[in-house]
């Protein structure tokens, strides 16, 4: 958020309290008070009698902002009645957060003159015009410009503004040669499949001749007649009868 344009606007600062202050008294409790300084404007809180190391103030002050000055000085003292007041610690309060966001309640560290830790002071910062100044003075982002060395890609254009018309005319009949076959060609067989390597059988007479074929001779009767045997009727056994004994 922008923090420009703060000239003349008001900043509210509330001194709440101090914590863990360096103790400058030996026999009694110290009486702290806080001083604020912005440019030539200076404010001082009341003295917190017997405040010791943790005094409480709850006092509010208003500063008129100056363009370019974003830092507030704070100094804490111990009030003495007889001698000069004792310096306890000092610090610087950065105003960037309150000017950008409108509110800041962070504690701020105090240091001695030698840079040692001297406690902390609690402030509440309020800037009511944070949003107004941001809206009125915030710079707008410049328009994006293509660098001269970058050539934007040419837009892709279609070759056809509209789809080509669909032809309704029938396709001509294909009169070309048939596609070659991947298999070897053989002479056509007009006699059917499978081809016969033998001559076709000659037509035979009908009805077929009986089996077995007839012979010129007359058929033999069955059963065959008994053959005339030279031994029929049997005659006497040729030889000796009765047979000789063994």
C-alpha atoms as a PDB file:
ATOM      1  CA  UNK A   1       0.000   0.000   0.000  1.00  0.00           C
ATOM      2  CA  UNK A   2       1.296   3.492  -0.836  1.00  0.00           C
ATOM      3  CA  UNK A   3       2.411   5.879   1.933  1.00  0.00           C
ATOM      4  CA  UNK A   4       2.839   8.948  -0.280  1.00  0.00           C
ATOM      5  CA  UNK A   5       0.761  12.095   0.155  1.00  0.00           C
ATOM      6  CA  UNK A   6       0.821  12.349   3.977  1.00  0.00           C
ATOM      7  CA  UNK A   7       1.536  16.070   4.137  1.00  0.00           C
ATOM      8  CA  UNK A   8      -0.822  17.807   6.583  1.00  0.00           C
ATOM      9  CA  UNK A   9      -2.613  14.640   7.773  1.00  0.00           C
ATOM     10  CA  UNK A  10      -2.833  13.797  11.481  1.00  0.00           C
ATOM     11  CA  UNK A  11      -1.157  10.927  13.342  1.00  0.00           C
ATOM     12  CA  UNK A  12      -2.482   9.863  16.759  1.00  0.00           C
ATOM     13  CA  UNK A  13       0.062   8.466  19.236  1.00  0.00           C
ATOM     14  CA  UNK A  14      -0.961   6.973  22.602  1.00  0.00           C
ATOM     15  CA  UNK A  15       1.765   6.296  25.156  1.00  0.00           C
ATOM     16  CA  UNK A  16       0.497   3.203  26.989  1.00  0.00           C
ATOM     17  CA  UNK A  17       3.312   2.102  29.336  1.00  0.00           C
ATOM     18  CA  UNK A  18       6.949   1.100  29.728  1.00  0.00           C
ATOM     19  CA  UNK A  19       8.304  -2.315  30.657  1.00  0.00           C
ATOM     20  CA  UNK A  20      11.573  -3.487  32.235  1.00  0.00           C
ATOM     21  CA  UNK A  21      13.122  -0.028  32.351  1.00  0.00           C
ATOM     22  CA  UNK A  22      16.665   0.472  33.516  1.00  0.00           C
ATOM     23  CA  UNK A  23      16.563   1.509  37.190  1.00  0.00           C
ATOM     24  CA  UNK A  24      18.522   4.723  37.923  1.00  0.00           C
ATOM     25  CA  UNK A  25      17.670   4.981  41.660  1.00  0.00           C
ATOM     26  CA  UNK A  26      19.615   3.325  44.486  1.00  0.00           C
ATOM     27  CA  UNK A  27      17.444   3.837  47.561  1.00  0.00           C
ATOM     28  CA  UNK A  28      13.942   4.693  46.221  1.00  0.00           C
ATOM     29  CA  UNK A  29      11.690   4.023  43.278  1.00  0.00           C
ATOM     30  CA  UNK A  30      12.277   6.087  40.152  1.00  0.00           C
ATOM     31  CA  UNK A  31       9.652   8.467  38.658  1.00  0.00           C
ATOM     32  CA  UNK A  32       9.691   7.944  34.853  1.00  0.00           C
ATOM     33  CA  UNK A  33       8.112  10.090  32.119  1.00  0.00           C
ATOM     34  CA  UNK A  34       8.164   9.849  28.280  1.00  0.00           C
ATOM     35  CA  UNK A  35       9.028  12.520  25.685  1.00  0.00           C
ATOM     36  CA  UNK A  36       7.940  12.297  22.000  1.00  0.00           C
ATOM     37  CA  UNK A  37       9.558  14.305  19.201  1.00  0.00           C
ATOM     38  CA  UNK A  38       8.506  14.628  15.546  1.00  0.00           C
ATOM     39  CA  UNK A  39      10.319  17.334  13.565  1.00  0.00           C
ATOM     40  CA  UNK A  40       9.934  20.461  15.704  1.00  0.00           C
ATOM     41  CA  UNK A  41       6.877  19.137  17.602  1.00  0.00           C
ATOM     42  CA  UNK A  42       7.540  17.804  21.118  1.00  0.00           C
ATOM     43  CA  UNK A  43       5.223  16.287  23.722  1.00  0.00           C
ATOM     44  CA  UNK A  44       5.811  15.099  27.282  1.00  0.00           C
ATOM     45  CA  UNK A  45       3.747  12.748  29.424  1.00  0.00           C
ATOM     46  CA  UNK A  46       3.045  13.339  33.079  1.00  0.00           C
ATOM     47  CA  UNK A  47       5.466  11.880  35.600  1.00  0.00           C
ATOM     48  CA  UNK A  48       4.509   8.465  36.902  1.00  0.00           C
ATOM     49  CA  UNK A  49       5.473   8.843  40.577  1.00  0.00           C
ATOM     50  CA  UNK A  50       7.026   5.707  41.983  1.00  0.00           C
ATOM     51  CA  UNK A  51       6.450   4.065  38.620  1.00  0.00           C
ATOM     52  CA  UNK A  52       9.689   2.151  39.002  1.00  0.00           C
ATOM     53  CA  UNK A  53      10.578  -0.122  36.105  1.00  0.00           C
ATOM     54  CA  UNK A  54       7.013  -0.592  34.778  1.00  0.00           C
ATOM     55  CA  UNK A  55       5.219   2.760  34.732  1.00  0.00           C
ATOM     56  CA  UNK A  56       1.790   3.286  33.130  1.00  0.00           C
ATOM     57  CA  UNK A  57       0.717   6.478  31.321  1.00  0.00           C
ATOM     58  CA  UNK A  58      -2.246   6.053  28.881  1.00  0.00           C
ATOM     59  CA  UNK A  59      -1.841   9.526  27.335  1.00  0.00           C
ATOM     60  CA  UNK A  60      -2.715  10.481  23.751  1.00  0.00           C
ATOM     61  CA  UNK A  61      -0.990  13.027  21.451  1.00  0.00           C
ATOM     62  CA  UNK A  62      -1.650  14.217  17.893  1.00  0.00           C
ATOM     63  CA  UNK A  63       1.081  15.089  15.351  1.00  0.00           C
ATOM     64  CA  UNK A  64       0.767  16.787  11.974  1.00  0.00           C
ATOM     65  CA  UNK A  65       2.610  14.688   9.436  1.00  0.00           C
ATOM     66  CA  UNK A  66       5.289  16.036   7.124  1.00  0.00           C
ATOM     67  CA  UNK A  67       5.950  14.557   3.698  1.00  0.00           C
ATOM     68  CA  UNK A  68       9.218  12.600   3.712  1.00  0.00           C
ATOM     69  CA  UNK A  69       9.507  12.296   7.510  1.00  0.00           C
ATOM     70  CA  UNK A  70       8.486   8.806   8.681  1.00  0.00           C
ATOM     71  CA  UNK A  71      10.272   8.487  11.982  1.00  0.00           C
ATOM     72  CA  UNK A  72       9.325   9.418  15.560  1.00  0.00           C
ATOM     73  CA  UNK A  73      11.840   9.822  18.424  1.00  0.00           C
ATOM     74  CA  UNK A  74      10.977   8.661  21.958  1.00  0.00           C
ATOM     75  CA  UNK A  75      13.025   9.331  25.134  1.00  0.00           C
ATOM     76  CA  UNK A  76      12.340   8.105  28.725  1.00  0.00           C
ATOM     77  CA  UNK A  77      13.604  10.085  31.766  1.00  0.00           C
ATOM     78  CA  UNK A  78      13.620   9.751  35.529  1.00  0.00           C
ATOM     79  CA  UNK A  79      12.329  12.846  37.326  1.00  0.00           C
ATOM     80  CA  UNK A  80      14.531  14.238  40.132  1.00  0.00           C
ATOM     81  CA  UNK A  81      13.578  17.049  42.522  1.00  0.00           C
ATOM     82  CA  UNK A  82      17.036  18.185  43.573  1.00  0.00           C
ATOM     83  CA  UNK A  83      19.408  17.200  40.748  1.00  0.00           C
ATOM     84  CA  UNK A  84      18.942  17.003  36.999  1.00  0.00           C
ATOM     85  CA  UNK A  85      16.683  14.305  35.591  1.00  0.00           C
ATOM     86  CA  UNK A  86      18.301  10.954  34.805  1.00  0.00           C
ATOM     87  CA  UNK A  87      18.384   9.640  31.260  1.00  0.00           C
ATOM     88  CA  UNK A  88      16.959   6.076  31.108  1.00  0.00           C
ATOM     89  CA  UNK A  89      16.832   5.236  27.360  1.00  0.00           C
ATOM     90  CA  UNK A  90      15.745   6.319  23.868  1.00  0.00           C
ATOM     91  CA  UNK A  91      14.563   4.783  20.627  1.00  0.00           C
ATOM     92  CA  UNK A  92      13.236   5.460  17.137  1.00  0.00           C
ATOM     93  CA  UNK A  93       9.696   4.545  16.046  1.00  0.00           C
ATOM     94  CA  UNK A  94       9.277   3.749  12.335  1.00  0.00           C
ATOM     95  CA  UNK A  95       5.961   4.995  10.851  1.00  0.00           C
ATOM     96  CA  UNK A  96       5.855   2.930   7.668  1.00  0.00           C
ATOM     97  CA  UNK A  97       3.491   0.289   9.062  1.00  0.00           C
ATOM     98  CA  UNK A  98       0.978   2.747  10.532  1.00  0.00           C
ATOM     99  CA  UNK A  99       1.015   4.916   7.389  1.00  0.00           C
ATOM    100  CA  UNK A 100       0.385   1.893   5.122  1.00  0.00           C
ATOM    101  CA  UNK A 101      -2.049  -0.076   7.302  1.00  0.00           C
ATOM    102  CA  UNK A 102      -3.518   2.672   9.528  1.00  0.00           C
ATOM    103  CA  UNK A 103      -2.672   0.981  12.863  1.00  0.00           C
ATOM    104  CA  UNK A 104       0.369  -0.183  14.818  1.00  0.00           C
ATOM    105  CA  UNK A 105       0.631  -1.281  18.482  1.00  0.00           C
ATOM    106  CA  UNK A 106       4.119  -2.811  18.491  1.00  0.00           C
ATOM    107  CA  UNK A 107       6.507  -2.379  21.486  1.00  0.00           C
ATOM    108  CA  UNK A 108       9.692  -0.415  20.750  1.00  0.00           C
ATOM    109  CA  UNK A 109      13.078  -1.129  22.296  1.00  0.00           C
ATOM    110  CA  UNK A 110      14.974   1.520  24.284  1.00  0.00           C
ATOM    111  CA  UNK A 111      18.771   1.743  24.479  1.00  0.00           C
ATOM    112  CA  UNK A 112      21.240   3.523  26.750  1.00  0.00           C
ATOM    113  CA  UNK A 113      23.830   5.972  25.440  1.00  0.00           C
ATOM    114  CA  UNK A 114      26.265   3.083  25.093  1.00  0.00           C
ATOM    115  CA  UNK A 115      23.756   0.952  23.095  1.00  0.00           C
ATOM    116  CA  UNK A 116      22.720  -1.375  25.894  1.00  0.00           C
ATOM    117  CA  UNK A 117      19.180  -2.604  26.466  1.00  0.00           C
ATOM    118  CA  UNK A 118      17.200  -0.150  28.634  1.00  0.00           C
ATOM    119  CA  UNK A 119      13.685  -1.606  28.444  1.00  0.00           C
ATOM    120  CA  UNK A 120      10.807  -0.953  26.041  1.00  0.00           C
ATOM    121  CA  UNK A 121       7.952   1.476  25.511  1.00  0.00           C
ATOM    122  CA  UNK A 122       4.479   0.512  24.343  1.00  0.00           C
ATOM    123  CA  UNK A 123       2.770   2.885  21.864  1.00  0.00           C
ATOM    124  CA  UNK A 124      -0.484   2.739  19.919  1.00  0.00           C
ATOM    125  CA  UNK A 125      -0.264   4.547  16.548  1.00  0.00           C
ATOM    126  CA  UNK A 126      -3.367   5.429  14.543  1.00  0.00           C
ATOM    127  CA  UNK A 127      -3.506   7.012  11.079  1.00  0.00           C
ATOM    128  CA  UNK A 128      -7.153   7.507   9.957  1.00  0.00           C
ATOM    129  CA  UNK A 129      -6.266   8.607   6.399  1.00  0.00           C
ATOM    130  CA  UNK A 130      -4.363   5.465   5.398  1.00  0.00           C
ATOM    131  CA  UNK A 131      -7.026   4.229   2.936  1.00  0.00           C
ATOM    132  CA  UNK A 132      -7.784   7.694   1.556  1.00  0.00           C
ATOM    133  CA  UNK A 133      -4.186   8.540   0.767  1.00  0.00           C
ATOM    134  CA  UNK A 134      -3.660   5.126  -0.777  1.00  0.00           C
ATOM    135  CA  UNK A 135      -6.631   5.569  -3.115  1.00  0.00           C
ATOM    136  CA  UNK A 136      -5.767   9.137  -4.104  1.00  0.00           C
ATOM    137  CA  UNK A 137      -2.004   8.745  -4.487  1.00  0.00           C
ATOM    138  CA  UNK A 138      -1.417   5.118  -5.314  1.00  0.00           C
ATOM    139  CA  UNK A 139       0.169   4.929  -8.773  1.00  0.00           C
ATOM    140  CA  UNK A 140      -1.617   2.822 -11.311  1.00  0.00           C
ATOM    141  CA  UNK A 141       0.182   0.039 -13.074  1.00  0.00           C
ATOM    142  CA  UNK A 142       1.423   1.006 -16.556  1.00  0.00           C
ATOM    143  CA  UNK A 143      -0.208  -0.753 -19.482  1.00  0.00           C
ATOM    144  CA  UNK A 144       1.575  -3.781 -20.722  1.00  0.00           C
ATOM    145  CA  UNK A 145       3.530  -3.131 -23.894  1.00  0.00           C
ATOM    146  CA  UNK A 146       5.006  -5.902 -25.953  1.00  0.00           C
ATOM    147  CA  UNK A 147       8.809  -5.425 -26.224  1.00  0.00           C
ATOM    148  CA  UNK A 148       9.957  -4.462 -29.723  1.00  0.00           C
ATOM    149  CA  UNK A 149      12.177  -7.510 -29.998  1.00  0.00           C
ATOM    150  CA  UNK A 150       9.341  -9.930 -29.353  1.00  0.00           C
ATOM    151  CA  UNK A 151       7.324 -10.775 -32.416  1.00  0.00           C
ATOM    152  CA  UNK A 152       3.858 -11.982 -31.536  1.00  0.00           C
ATOM    153  CA  UNK A 153       2.875 -15.148 -33.356  1.00  0.00           C
ATOM    154  CA  UNK A 154       0.673 -14.661 -36.388  1.00  0.00           C
ATOM    155  CA  UNK A 155      -2.889 -15.779 -35.855  1.00  0.00           C
ATOM    156  CA  UNK A 156      -3.767 -19.027 -37.502  1.00  0.00           C
ATOM    157  CA  UNK A 157      -6.366 -18.565 -40.213  1.00  0.00           C
ATOM    158  CA  UNK A 158      -8.457 -21.295 -41.716  1.00  0.00           C
ATOM    159  CA  UNK A 159      -8.221 -22.007 -45.432  1.00  0.00           C
ATOM    160  CA  UNK A 160     -11.988 -22.143 -45.593  1.00  0.00           C
ATOM    161  CA  UNK A 161     -14.332 -19.606 -44.100  1.00  0.00           C
ATOM    162  CA  UNK A 162     -17.073 -22.201 -44.354  1.00  0.00           C
ATOM    163  CA  UNK A 163     -16.917 -25.985 -44.822  1.00  0.00           C
ATOM    164  CA  UNK A 164     -16.637 -27.026 -48.492  1.00  0.00           C
ATOM    165  CA  UNK A 165     -19.963 -28.122 -49.995  1.00  0.00           C
ATOM    166  CA  UNK A 166     -20.676 -31.808 -50.107  1.00  0.00           C
ATOM    167  CA  UNK A 167     -20.919 -33.125 -53.636  1.00  0.00           C
ATOM    168  CA  UNK A 168     -24.162 -34.994 -54.384  1.00  0.00           C
ATOM    169  CA  UNK A 169     -23.149 -36.311 -57.828  1.00  0.00           C
ATOM    170  CA  UNK A 170     -22.668 -40.090 -57.986  1.00  0.00           C
ATOM    171  CA  UNK A 171     -19.180 -41.379 -58.404  1.00  0.00           C
ATOM    172  CA  UNK A 172     -18.336 -42.754 -61.898  1.00  0.00           C
ATOM    173  CA  UNK A 173     -18.158 -46.465 -62.353  1.00  0.00           C
ATOM    174  CA  UNK A 174     -14.712 -47.862 -61.929  1.00  0.00           C
ATOM    175  CA  UNK A 175     -13.462 -49.298 -65.186  1.00  0.00           C
ATOM    176  CA  UNK A 176      -9.832 -49.780 -64.317  1.00  0.00           C
ATOM    177  CA  UNK A 177      -7.978 -53.001 -64.116  1.00  0.00           C
ATOM    178  CA  UNK A 178      -8.530 -55.252 -61.121  1.00  0.00           C
ATOM    179  CA  UNK A 179      -5.986 -55.082 -58.381  1.00  0.00           C
ATOM    180  CA  UNK A 180      -3.190 -57.633 -58.772  1.00  0.00           C
ATOM    181  CA  UNK A 181      -3.570 -60.737 -56.643  1.00  0.00           C
ATOM    182  CA  UNK A 182      -0.724 -61.648 -54.283  1.00  0.00           C
ATOM    183  CA  UNK A 183      -1.109 -65.327 -55.301  1.00  0.00           C
ATOM    184  CA  UNK A 184       0.262 -66.836 -58.578  1.00  0.00           C
ATOM    185  CA  UNK A 185      -2.274 -67.275 -61.306  1.00  0.00           C
ATOM    186  CA  UNK A 186      -3.014 -70.612 -62.973  1.00  0.00           C
ATOM    187  CA  UNK A 187      -4.892 -71.386 -66.157  1.00  0.00           C
ATOM    188  CA  UNK A 188      -8.569 -71.620 -65.590  1.00  0.00           C
ATOM    189  CA  UNK A 189     -10.056 -75.069 -65.334  1.00  0.00           C
ATOM    190  CA  UNK A 190     -13.193 -75.315 -67.399  1.00  0.00           C
ATOM    191  CA  UNK A 191     -13.867 -78.861 -66.325  1.00  0.00           C
ATOM    192  CA  UNK A 192     -14.547 -78.036 -62.690  1.00  0.00           C
ATOM    193  CA  UNK A 193     -12.610 -78.527 -59.485  1.00  0.00           C
ATOM    194  CA  UNK A 194     -10.455 -80.430 -58.773  1.00  0.00           C
ATOM    195  CA  UNK A 195      -8.847 -80.850 -62.179  1.00  0.00           C
ATOM    196  CA  UNK A 196      -8.437 -84.452 -63.437  1.00  0.00           C
ATOM    197  CA  UNK A 197      -5.191 -85.618 -64.911  1.00  0.00           C
ATOM    198  CA  UNK A 198      -6.862 -88.688 -66.500  1.00  0.00           C
ATOM    199  CA  UNK A 199      -9.203 -88.823 -69.444  1.00  0.00           C
ATOM    200  CA  UNK A 200     -12.840 -88.851 -68.441  1.00  0.00           C
ATOM    201  CA  UNK A 201     -14.439 -92.335 -68.223  1.00  0.00           C
ATOM    202  CA  UNK A 202     -16.279 -93.565 -71.230  1.00  0.00           C
ATOM    203  CA  UNK A 203     -19.977 -94.110 -70.838  1.00  0.00           C
ATOM    204  CA  UNK A 204     -20.846 -97.801 -70.199  1.00  0.00           C
ATOM    205  CA  UNK A 205     -23.864 -99.740 -71.324  1.00  0.00           C
ATOM    206  CA  UNK A 206     -26.811 -99.896 -69.039  1.00  0.00           C
ATOM    207  CA  UNK A 207     -27.714-102.161 -67.240  1.00  0.00           C
ATOM    208  CA  UNK A 208     -24.223-103.272 -66.212  1.00  0.00           C
ATOM    209  CA  UNK A 209     -23.206-106.828 -67.051  1.00  0.00           C
ATOM    210  CA  UNK A 210     -23.664-109.433 -64.297  1.00  0.00           C
ATOM    211  CA  UNK A 211     -20.735-110.391 -62.186  1.00  0.00           C
ATOM    212  CA  UNK A 212     -18.863-112.583 -62.840  1.00  0.00           C
ATOM    213  CA  UNK A 213     -19.192-112.208 -66.591  1.00  0.00           C
ATOM    214  CA  UNK A 214     -20.882-114.981 -68.427  1.00  0.00           C
ATOM    215  CA  UNK A 215     -18.701-117.519 -70.106  1.00  0.00           C
ATOM    216  CA  UNK A 216     -19.313-119.289 -73.274  1.00  0.00           C
ATOM    217  CA  UNK A 217     -19.188-122.482 -71.402  1.00  0.00           C
ATOM    218  CA  UNK A 218     -22.196-123.842 -69.432  1.00  0.00           C
ATOM    219  CA  UNK A 219     -22.062-123.278 -65.732  1.00  0.00           C
ATOM    220  CA  UNK A 220     -21.012-126.135 -63.527  1.00  0.00           C
ATOM    221  CA  UNK A 221     -23.749-127.549 -61.310  1.00  0.00           C
ATOM    222  CA  UNK A 222     -23.457-127.098 -57.585  1.00  0.00           C
ATOM    223  CA  UNK A 223     -22.655-129.227 -55.642  1.00  0.00           C
ATOM    224  CA  UNK A 224     -20.459-131.036 -58.106  1.00  0.00           C
ATOM    225  CA  UNK A 225     -21.465-134.620 -58.878  1.00  0.00           C
ATOM    226  CA  UNK A 226     -19.372-137.272 -57.353  1.00  0.00           C
ATOM    227  CA  UNK A 227     -16.405-138.151 -59.379  1.00  0.00           C
ATOM    228  CA  UNK A 228     -15.975-141.682 -60.476  1.00  0.00           C
ATOM    229  CA  UNK A 229     -13.176-143.153 -58.471  1.00  0.00           C
ATOM    230  CA  UNK A 230     -11.148-146.021 -59.626  1.00  0.00           C
ATOM    231  CA  UNK A 231     -11.534-147.312 -56.121  1.00  0.00           C
ATOM    232  CA  UNK A 232     -15.281-147.048 -55.885  1.00  0.00           C
ATOM    233  CA  UNK A 233     -16.812-149.263 -54.811  1.00  0.00           C
ATOM    234  CA  UNK A 234     -13.783-150.054 -52.871  1.00  0.00           C
ATOM    235  CA  UNK A 235     -12.166-153.226 -53.623  1.00  0.00           C
ATOM    236  CA  UNK A 236     -10.027-155.295 -51.484  1.00  0.00           C
ATOM    237  CA  UNK A 237      -7.154-153.444 -49.889  1.00  0.00           C
ATOM    238  CA  UNK A 238      -4.225-153.949 -52.046  1.00  0.00           C
ATOM    239  CA  UNK A 239      -1.742-155.589 -49.937  1.00  0.00           C
ATOM    240  CA  UNK A 240      -1.718-158.119 -47.255  1.00  0.00           C
ATOM    241  CA  UNK A 241      -4.671-158.577 -44.941  1.00  0.00           C
ATOM    242  CA  UNK A 242      -4.626-158.889 -42.112  1.00  0.00           C
ATOM    243  CA  UNK A 243      -1.561-156.809 -41.754  1.00  0.00           C
ATOM    244  CA  UNK A 244       1.451-158.543 -40.346  1.00  0.00           C
ATOM    245  CA  UNK A 245       2.106-158.058 -36.684  1.00  0.00           C
ATOM    246  CA  UNK A 246       4.784-155.598 -35.613  1.00  0.00           C
END
